[in-house]
Amino acid sequence: MSLKKSINEFGDHLGDKESLLEKNYPRIAEIIQLHWGYKEIYQYINKLLVVDKNRDRQGFPVQVLQEIYKLQEIHEKLFPNLKALSKG
């Protein structure tokens, strides 16, 4: 099941648009979905967003970054206690 369908708030955010994250980075979308509802999602998203100088990565298009940030924001609202647990 897609992120858009399984996370109502994300589907509402996208409206009729398709998720570019799911379309162009299906493996990343799958991992986010697997981590959804667990504290490990914060470590994974942070790993996606932080550029490591020793890695040769191009980075994400702005629209994909916006989707990742929106998913993180939704997760924080739905599971407010998990972010504090992820730091421990």
PDB file of N, CA and C in Angstrom:
ATOM      1  N   MET A   1       0.837  -1.175   0.000  1.00  0.00           N
ATOM      2  CA  MET A   1       0.000   0.000   0.000  1.00  0.00           C
ATOM      3  C   MET A   1       0.887   1.245   0.000  1.00  0.00           C
ATOM      4  N   SER A   2       0.466   2.258  -0.689  1.00  0.00           N
ATOM      5  CA  SER A   2       1.268   3.467  -0.829  1.00  0.00           C
ATOM      6  C   SER A   2       1.194   4.339   0.417  1.00  0.00           C
ATOM      7  N   LEU A   3       2.167   5.221   0.556  1.00  0.00           N
ATOM      8  CA  LEU A   3       2.169   6.174   1.659  1.00  0.00           C
ATOM      9  C   LEU A   3       0.925   7.047   1.611  1.00  0.00           C
ATOM     10  N   LYS A   4       0.566   7.461   0.412  1.00  0.00           N
ATOM     11  CA  LYS A   4      -0.582   8.345   0.232  1.00  0.00           C
ATOM     12  C   LYS A   4      -1.869   7.679   0.712  1.00  0.00           C
ATOM     13  N   LYS A   5      -1.984   6.381   0.472  1.00  0.00           N
ATOM     14  CA  LYS A   5      -3.189   5.667   0.871  1.00  0.00           C
ATOM     15  C   LYS A   5      -3.150   5.233   2.335  1.00  0.00           C
ATOM     16  N   SER A   6      -1.982   4.916   2.839  1.00  0.00           N
ATOM     17  CA  SER A   6      -1.904   4.400   4.203  1.00  0.00           C
ATOM     18  C   SER A   6      -1.816   5.508   5.259  1.00  0.00           C
ATOM     19  N   ILE A   7      -1.396   6.702   4.866  1.00  0.00           N
ATOM     20  CA  ILE A   7      -1.302   7.823   5.797  1.00  0.00           C
ATOM     21  C   ILE A   7      -2.270   8.899   5.304  1.00  0.00           C
ATOM     22  N   ASN A   8      -3.439   8.929   5.906  1.00  0.00           N
ATOM     23  CA  ASN A   8      -4.513   9.818   5.447  1.00  0.00           C
ATOM     24  C   ASN A   8      -4.076  11.276   5.357  1.00  0.00           C
ATOM     25  N   GLU A   9      -3.343  11.732   6.357  1.00  0.00           N
ATOM     26  CA  GLU A   9      -2.913  13.130   6.383  1.00  0.00           C
ATOM     27  C   GLU A   9      -1.977  13.451   5.217  1.00  0.00           C
ATOM     28  N   PHE A  10      -1.172  12.496   4.821  1.00  0.00           N
ATOM     29  CA  PHE A  10      -0.287  12.688   3.676  1.00  0.00           C
ATOM     30  C   PHE A  10      -1.100  12.718   2.386  1.00  0.00           C
ATOM     31  N   GLY A  11      -2.076  11.832   2.299  1.00  0.00           N
ATOM     32  CA  GLY A  11      -2.983  11.835   1.147  1.00  0.00           C
ATOM     33  C   GLY A  11      -3.738  13.148   1.040  1.00  0.00           C
ATOM     34  N   ASP A  12      -4.195  13.661   2.189  1.00  0.00           N
ATOM     35  CA  ASP A  12      -4.894  14.952   2.196  1.00  0.00           C
ATOM     36  C   ASP A  12      -3.960  16.068   1.739  1.00  0.00           C
ATOM     37  N   HIS A  13      -2.723  16.021   2.181  1.00  0.00           N
ATOM     38  CA  HIS A  13      -1.727  17.029   1.802  1.00  0.00           C
ATOM     39  C   HIS A  13      -1.482  17.014   0.284  1.00  0.00           C
ATOM     40  N   LEU A  14      -1.368  15.823  -0.282  1.00  0.00           N
ATOM     41  CA  LEU A  14      -1.079  15.717  -1.722  1.00  0.00           C
ATOM     42  C   LEU A  14      -2.298  16.002  -2.584  1.00  0.00           C
ATOM     43  N   GLY A  15      -3.469  15.702  -2.064  1.00  0.00           N
ATOM     44  CA  GLY A  15      -4.679  15.894  -2.867  1.00  0.00           C
ATOM     45  C   GLY A  15      -4.657  14.993  -4.085  1.00  0.00           C
ATOM     46  N   ASP A  16      -4.843  15.585  -5.251  1.00  0.00           N
ATOM     47  CA  ASP A  16      -4.864  14.823  -6.499  1.00  0.00           C
ATOM     48  C   ASP A  16      -3.476  14.541  -7.055  1.00  0.00           C
ATOM     49  N   LYS A  17      -2.457  15.182  -6.488  1.00  0.00           N
ATOM     50  CA  LYS A  17      -1.092  14.984  -6.985  1.00  0.00           C
ATOM     51  C   LYS A  17      -0.558  13.627  -6.549  1.00  0.00           C
ATOM     52  N   GLU A  18       0.316  13.074  -7.368  1.00  0.00           N
ATOM     53  CA  GLU A  18       0.975  11.838  -6.953  1.00  0.00           C
ATOM     54  C   GLU A  18       2.202  12.178  -6.126  1.00  0.00           C
ATOM     55  N   SER A  19       2.630  11.229  -5.330  1.00  0.00           N
ATOM     56  CA  SER A  19       3.817  11.418  -4.518  1.00  0.00           C
ATOM     57  C   SER A  19       5.053  11.202  -5.375  1.00  0.00           C
ATOM     58  N   LEU A  20       5.877  12.236  -5.488  1.00  0.00           N
ATOM     59  CA  LEU A  20       7.125  12.106  -6.240  1.00  0.00           C
ATOM     60  C   LEU A  20       8.119  11.229  -5.490  1.00  0.00           C
ATOM     61  N   LEU A  21       8.030  11.230  -4.171  1.00  0.00           N
ATOM     62  CA  LEU A  21       8.864  10.345  -3.361  1.00  0.00           C
ATOM     63  C   LEU A  21       8.565   8.895  -3.723  1.00  0.00           C
ATOM     64  N   GLU A  22       7.300   8.527  -3.763  1.00  0.00           N
ATOM     65  CA  GLU A  22       6.928   7.148  -4.098  1.00  0.00           C
ATOM     66  C   GLU A  22       7.242   6.803  -5.550  1.00  0.00           C
ATOM     67  N   LYS A  23       7.021   7.766  -6.424  1.00  0.00           N
ATOM     68  CA  LYS A  23       7.244   7.514  -7.856  1.00  0.00           C
ATOM     69  C   LYS A  23       8.736   7.349  -8.177  1.00  0.00           C
ATOM     70  N   ASN A  24       9.560   8.249  -7.640  1.00  0.00           N
ATOM     71  CA  ASN A  24      10.975   8.276  -8.013  1.00  0.00           C
ATOM     72  C   ASN A  24      11.901   7.562  -7.046  1.00  0.00           C
ATOM     73  N   TYR A  25      11.431   7.340  -5.813  1.00  0.00           N
ATOM     74  CA  TYR A  25      12.254   6.693  -4.796  1.00  0.00           C
ATOM     75  C   TYR A  25      11.419   5.652  -4.045  1.00  0.00           C
ATOM     76  N   PRO A  26      10.935   4.640  -4.753  1.00  0.00           N
ATOM     77  CA  PRO A  26      10.022   3.666  -4.125  1.00  0.00           C
ATOM     78  C   PRO A  26      10.633   2.930  -2.939  1.00  0.00           C
ATOM     79  N   ARG A  27      11.916   2.664  -2.980  1.00  0.00           N
ATOM     80  CA  ARG A  27      12.566   1.956  -1.863  1.00  0.00           C
ATOM     81  C   ARG A  27      12.567   2.814  -0.599  1.00  0.00           C
ATOM     82  N   ILE A  28      12.834   4.096  -0.752  1.00  0.00           N
ATOM     83  CA  ILE A  28      12.819   4.998   0.389  1.00  0.00           C
ATOM     84  C   ILE A  28      11.403   5.104   0.948  1.00  0.00           C
ATOM     85  N   ALA A  29      10.420   5.228   0.068  1.00  0.00           N
ATOM     86  CA  ALA A  29       9.017   5.285   0.510  1.00  0.00           C
ATOM     87  C   ALA A  29       8.641   4.019   1.269  1.00  0.00           C
ATOM     88  N   GLU A  30       9.109   2.892   0.797  1.00  0.00           N
ATOM     89  CA  GLU A  30       8.829   1.617   1.453  1.00  0.00           C
ATOM     90  C   GLU A  30       9.446   1.575   2.863  1.00  0.00           C
ATOM     91  N   ILE A  31      10.661   2.051   2.990  1.00  0.00           N
ATOM     92  CA  ILE A  31      11.327   2.046   4.299  1.00  0.00           C
ATOM     93  C   ILE A  31      10.630   3.011   5.261  1.00  0.00           C
ATOM     94  N   ILE A  32      10.215   4.171   4.765  1.00  0.00           N
ATOM     95  CA  ILE A  32       9.467   5.106   5.610  1.00  0.00           C
ATOM     96  C   ILE A  32       8.181   4.443   6.097  1.00  0.00           C
ATOM     97  N   GLN A  33       7.518   3.745   5.199  1.00  0.00           N
ATOM     98  CA  GLN A  33       6.283   3.067   5.584  1.00  0.00           C
ATOM     99  C   GLN A  33       6.549   1.981   6.630  1.00  0.00           C
ATOM    100  N   LEU A  34       7.635   1.259   6.499  1.00  0.00           N
ATOM    101  CA  LEU A  34       7.985   0.225   7.474  1.00  0.00           C
ATOM    102  C   LEU A  34       8.302   0.817   8.853  1.00  0.00           C
ATOM    103  N   HIS A  35       8.889   2.010   8.874  1.00  0.00           N
ATOM    104  CA  HIS A  35       9.259   2.660  10.124  1.00  0.00           C
ATOM    105  C   HIS A  35       8.124   3.509  10.713  1.00  0.00           C
ATOM    106  N   TRP A  36       7.026   3.661   9.969  1.00  0.00           N
ATOM    107  CA  TRP A  36       5.938   4.529  10.398  1.00  0.00           C
ATOM    108  C   TRP A  36       5.368   4.030  11.729  1.00  0.00           C
ATOM    109  N   GLY A  37       5.260   4.940  12.679  1.00  0.00           N
ATOM    110  CA  GLY A  37       4.736   4.590  13.987  1.00  0.00           C
ATOM    111  C   GLY A  37       5.798   4.121  14.965  1.00  0.00           C
ATOM    112  N   TYR A  38       7.052   4.152  14.540  1.00  0.00           N
ATOM    113  CA  TYR A  38       8.165   3.729  15.390  1.00  0.00           C
ATOM    114  C   TYR A  38       9.177   4.865  15.501  1.00  0.00           C
ATOM    115  N   LYS A  39       9.926   4.890  16.600  1.00  0.00           N
ATOM    116  CA  LYS A  39      10.901   5.954  16.832  1.00  0.00           C
ATOM    117  C   LYS A  39      12.030   5.938  15.808  1.00  0.00           C
ATOM    118  N   GLU A  40      12.291   4.798  15.192  1.00  0.00           N
ATOM    119  CA  GLU A  40      13.400   4.671  14.232  1.00  0.00           C
ATOM    120  C   GLU A  40      13.213   5.527  12.982  1.00  0.00           C
ATOM    121  N   ILE A  41      12.003   5.973  12.746  1.00  0.00           N
ATOM    122  CA  ILE A  41      11.764   6.794  11.553  1.00  0.00           C
ATOM    123  C   ILE A  41      12.580   8.083  11.603  1.00  0.00           C
ATOM    124  N   TYR A  42      12.789   8.629  12.802  1.00  0.00           N
ATOM    125  CA  TYR A  42      13.524   9.888  12.914  1.00  0.00           C
ATOM    126  C   TYR A  42      14.991   9.723  12.531  1.00  0.00           C
ATOM    127  N   GLN A  43      15.579   8.642  12.930  1.00  0.00           N
ATOM    128  CA  GLN A  43      16.974   8.371  12.562  1.00  0.00           C
ATOM    129  C   GLN A  43      17.074   8.166  11.045  1.00  0.00           C
ATOM    130  N   TYR A  44      16.105   7.457  10.474  1.00  0.00           N
ATOM    131  CA  TYR A  44      16.138   7.202   9.033  1.00  0.00           C
ATOM    132  C   TYR A  44      15.970   8.496   8.244  1.00  0.00           C
ATOM    133  N   ILE A  45      14.999   9.304   8.624  1.00  0.00           N
ATOM    134  CA  ILE A  45      14.774  10.566   7.910  1.00  0.00           C
ATOM    135  C   ILE A  45      15.986  11.480   8.057  1.00  0.00           C
ATOM    136  N   ASN A  46      16.557  11.535   9.239  1.00  0.00           N
ATOM    137  CA  ASN A  46      17.752  12.344   9.442  1.00  0.00           C
ATOM    138  C   ASN A  46      18.890  11.880   8.535  1.00  0.00           C
ATOM    139  N   LYS A  47      19.034  10.568   8.418  1.00  0.00           N
ATOM    140  CA  LYS A  47      20.066   9.998   7.544  1.00  0.00           C
ATOM    141  C   LYS A  47      19.830  10.406   6.081  1.00  0.00           C
ATOM    142  N   LEU A  48      18.567  10.494   5.690  1.00  0.00           N
ATOM    143  CA  LEU A  48      18.241  10.908   4.323  1.00  0.00           C
ATOM    144  C   LEU A  48      18.577  12.374   4.069  1.00  0.00           C
ATOM    145  N   LEU A  49      18.360  13.195   5.074  1.00  0.00           N
ATOM    146  CA  LEU A  49      18.450  14.641   4.880  1.00  0.00           C
ATOM    147  C   LEU A  49      19.826  15.224   5.134  1.00  0.00           C
ATOM    148  N   VAL A  50      20.641  14.557   5.920  1.00  0.00           N
ATOM    149  CA  VAL A  50      21.976  15.073   6.236  1.00  0.00           C
ATOM    150  C   VAL A  50      22.964  14.598   5.171  1.00  0.00           C
ATOM    151  N   VAL A  51      23.703  15.539   4.653  1.00  0.00           N
ATOM    152  CA  VAL A  51      24.689  15.217   3.624  1.00  0.00           C
ATOM    153  C   VAL A  51      26.001  14.850   4.309  1.00  0.00           C
ATOM    154  N   ASP A  52      26.444  13.651   4.070  1.00  0.00           N
ATOM    155  CA  ASP A  52      27.711  13.173   4.616  1.00  0.00           C
ATOM    156  C   ASP A  52      28.803  13.502   3.600  1.00  0.00           C
ATOM    157  N   LYS A  53      29.818  14.187   4.035  1.00  0.00           N
ATOM    158  CA  LYS A  53      30.884  14.618   3.121  1.00  0.00           C
ATOM    159  C   LYS A  53      31.590  13.451   2.449  1.00  0.00           C
ATOM    160  N   ASN A  54      31.587  12.304   3.080  1.00  0.00           N
ATOM    161  CA  ASN A  54      32.283  11.145   2.528  1.00  0.00           C
ATOM    162  C   ASN A  54      31.437  10.346   1.543  1.00  0.00           C
ATOM    163  N   ARG A  55      30.195  10.767   1.343  1.00  0.00           N
ATOM    164  CA  ARG A  55      29.323  10.035   0.421  1.00  0.00           C
ATOM    165  C   ARG A  55      29.053  10.893  -0.803  1.00  0.00           C
ATOM    166  N   ASP A  56      29.012  10.261  -1.930  1.00  0.00           N
ATOM    167  CA  ASP A  56      28.761  10.959  -3.188  1.00  0.00           C
ATOM    168  C   ASP A  56      27.270  10.853  -3.507  1.00  0.00           C
ATOM    169  N   ARG A  57      26.502  11.803  -2.987  1.00  0.00           N
ATOM    170  CA  ARG A  57      25.069  11.811  -3.233  1.00  0.00           C
ATOM    171  C   ARG A  57      24.687  13.119  -3.877  1.00  0.00           C
ATOM    172  N   GLN A  58      23.690  13.018  -4.739  1.00  0.00           N
ATOM    173  CA  GLN A  58      23.230  14.187  -5.458  1.00  0.00           C
ATOM    174  C   GLN A  58      22.234  14.998  -4.642  1.00  0.00           C
ATOM    175  N   GLY A  59      21.488  14.366  -3.771  1.00  0.00           N
ATOM    176  CA  GLY A  59      20.438  15.048  -3.032  1.00  0.00           C
ATOM    177  C   GLY A  59      19.097  14.866  -3.724  1.00  0.00           C
ATOM    178  N   PHE A  60      18.072  15.310  -3.063  1.00  0.00           N
ATOM    179  CA  PHE A  60      16.710  15.151  -3.579  1.00  0.00           C
ATOM    180  C   PHE A  60      16.221  16.440  -4.213  1.00  0.00           C
ATOM    181  N   PRO A  61      15.321  16.304  -5.185  1.00  0.00           N
ATOM    182  CA  PRO A  61      14.648  17.503  -5.703  1.00  0.00           C
ATOM    183  C   PRO A  61      13.835  18.157  -4.581  1.00  0.00           C
ATOM    184  N   VAL A  62      13.599  19.452  -4.699  1.00  0.00           N
ATOM    185  CA  VAL A  62      12.898  20.213  -3.667  1.00  0.00           C
ATOM    186  C   VAL A  62      11.541  19.597  -3.330  1.00  0.00           C
ATOM    187  N   GLN A  63      10.790  19.167  -4.343  1.00  0.00           N
ATOM    188  CA  GLN A  63       9.457  18.612  -4.092  1.00  0.00           C
ATOM    189  C   GLN A  63       9.527  17.341  -3.250  1.00  0.00           C
ATOM    190  N   VAL A  64      10.539  16.531  -3.464  1.00  0.00           N
ATOM    191  CA  VAL A  64      10.715  15.294  -2.687  1.00  0.00           C
ATOM    192  C   VAL A  64      11.109  15.649  -1.249  1.00  0.00           C
ATOM    193  N   LEU A  65      11.997  16.617  -1.091  1.00  0.00           N
ATOM    194  CA  LEU A  65      12.357  17.075   0.254  1.00  0.00           C
ATOM    195  C   LEU A  65      11.132  17.574   1.010  1.00  0.00           C
ATOM    196  N   GLN A  66      10.286  18.317   0.321  1.00  0.00           N
ATOM    197  CA  GLN A  66       9.068  18.825   0.958  1.00  0.00           C
ATOM    198  C   GLN A  66       8.175  17.683   1.416  1.00  0.00           C
ATOM    199  N   GLU A  67       8.076  16.632   0.628  1.00  0.00           N
ATOM    200  CA  GLU A  67       7.275  15.477   1.020  1.00  0.00           C
ATOM    201  C   GLU A  67       7.875  14.779   2.241  1.00  0.00           C
ATOM    202  N   ILE A  68       9.190  14.643   2.264  1.00  0.00           N
ATOM    203  CA  ILE A  68       9.846  14.000   3.405  1.00  0.00           C
ATOM    204  C   ILE A  68       9.620  14.818   4.672  1.00  0.00           C
ATOM    205  N   TYR A  69       9.790  16.132   4.572  1.00  0.00           N
ATOM    206  CA  TYR A  69       9.556  16.997   5.732  1.00  0.00           C
ATOM    207  C   TYR A  69       8.095  16.934   6.174  1.00  0.00           C
ATOM    208  N   LYS A  70       7.175  16.882   5.223  1.00  0.00           N
ATOM    209  CA  LYS A  70       5.749  16.793   5.563  1.00  0.00           C
ATOM    210  C   LYS A  70       5.456  15.476   6.276  1.00  0.00           C
ATOM    211  N   LEU A  71       6.030  14.397   5.806  1.00  0.00           N
ATOM    212  CA  LEU A  71       5.840  13.109   6.473  1.00  0.00           C
ATOM    213  C   LEU A  71       6.378  13.153   7.897  1.00  0.00           C
ATOM    214  N   GLN A  72       7.526  13.769   8.086  1.00  0.00           N
ATOM    215  CA  GLN A  72       8.093  13.893   9.428  1.00  0.00           C
ATOM    216  C   GLN A  72       7.168  14.719  10.310  1.00  0.00           C
ATOM    217  N   GLU A  73       6.653  15.807   9.783  1.00  0.00           N
ATOM    218  CA  GLU A  73       5.736  16.671  10.533  1.00  0.00           C
ATOM    219  C   GLU A  73       4.464  15.901  10.933  1.00  0.00           C
ATOM    220  N   ILE A  74       3.904  15.149  10.006  1.00  0.00           N
ATOM    221  CA  ILE A  74       2.710  14.353  10.288  1.00  0.00           C
ATOM    222  C   ILE A  74       3.010  13.315  11.369  1.00  0.00           C
ATOM    223  N   HIS A  75       4.151  12.653  11.239  1.00  0.00           N
ATOM    224  CA  HIS A  75       4.527  11.630  12.210  1.00  0.00           C
ATOM    225  C   HIS A  75       4.652  12.233  13.605  1.00  0.00           C
ATOM    226  N   GLU A  76       5.259  13.410  13.700  1.00  0.00           N
ATOM    227  CA  GLU A  76       5.422  14.073  14.995  1.00  0.00           C
ATOM    228  C   GLU A  76       4.076  14.416  15.617  1.00  0.00           C
ATOM    229  N   LYS A  77       3.105  14.802  14.788  1.00  0.00           N
ATOM    230  CA  LYS A  77       1.768  15.121  15.299  1.00  0.00           C
ATOM    231  C   LYS A  77       1.024  13.867  15.743  1.00  0.00           C
ATOM    232  N   LEU A  78       1.157  12.798  14.975  1.00  0.00           N
ATOM    233  CA  LEU A  78       0.433  11.568  15.294  1.00  0.00           C
ATOM    234  C   LEU A  78       1.062  10.794  16.450  1.00  0.00           C
ATOM    235  N   PHE A  79       2.368  10.875  16.565  1.00  0.00           N
ATOM    236  CA  PHE A  79       3.107  10.112  17.586  1.00  0.00           C
ATOM    237  C   PHE A  79       4.044  11.046  18.355  1.00  0.00           C
ATOM    238  N   PRO A  80       3.489  11.985  19.121  1.00  0.00           N
ATOM    239  CA  PRO A  80       4.326  13.018  19.750  1.00  0.00           C
ATOM    240  C   PRO A  80       5.358  12.500  20.746  1.00  0.00           C
ATOM    241  N   ASN A  81       5.135  11.364  21.337  1.00  0.00           N
ATOM    242  CA  ASN A  81       6.074  10.852  22.340  1.00  0.00           C
ATOM    243  C   ASN A  81       7.279  10.143  21.725  1.00  0.00           C
ATOM    244  N   LEU A  82       7.176   9.756  20.468  1.00  0.00           N
ATOM    245  CA  LEU A  82       8.254   8.939  19.879  1.00  0.00           C
ATOM    246  C   LEU A  82       9.513   9.729  19.562  1.00  0.00           C
ATOM    247  N   LYS A  83       9.384  11.011  19.243  1.00  0.00           N
ATOM    248  CA  LYS A  83      10.572  11.781  18.904  1.00  0.00           C
ATOM    249  C   LYS A  83      11.515  11.886  20.096  1.00  0.00           C
ATOM    250  N   ALA A  84      10.966  12.094  21.273  1.00  0.00           N
ATOM    251  CA  ALA A  84      11.800  12.156  22.479  1.00  0.00           C
ATOM    252  C   ALA A  84      12.482  10.819  22.731  1.00  0.00           C
ATOM    253  N   LEU A  85      11.788   9.712  22.460  1.00  0.00           N
ATOM    254  CA  LEU A  85      12.372   8.384  22.651  1.00  0.00           C
ATOM    255  C   LEU A  85      13.505   8.114  21.662  1.00  0.00           C
ATOM    256  N   SER A  86      13.427   8.717  20.485  1.00  0.00           N
ATOM    257  CA  SER A  86      14.443   8.468  19.454  1.00  0.00           C
ATOM    258  C   SER A  86      15.788   9.071  19.833  1.00  0.00           C
ATOM    259  N   LYS A  87      15.790  10.001  20.738  1.00  0.00           N
ATOM    260  CA  LYS A  87      17.043  10.657  21.146  1.00  0.00           C
ATOM    261  C   LYS A  87      17.739   9.905  22.267  1.00  0.00           C
ATOM    262  N   GLY A  88      17.057   8.936  22.836  1.00  0.00           N
ATOM    263  CA  GLY A  88      17.620   8.225  23.963  1.00  0.00           C
ATOM    264  C   GLY A  88      18.464   7.115  23.595  1.00  0.00           C
TER     265      GLY A  88
END
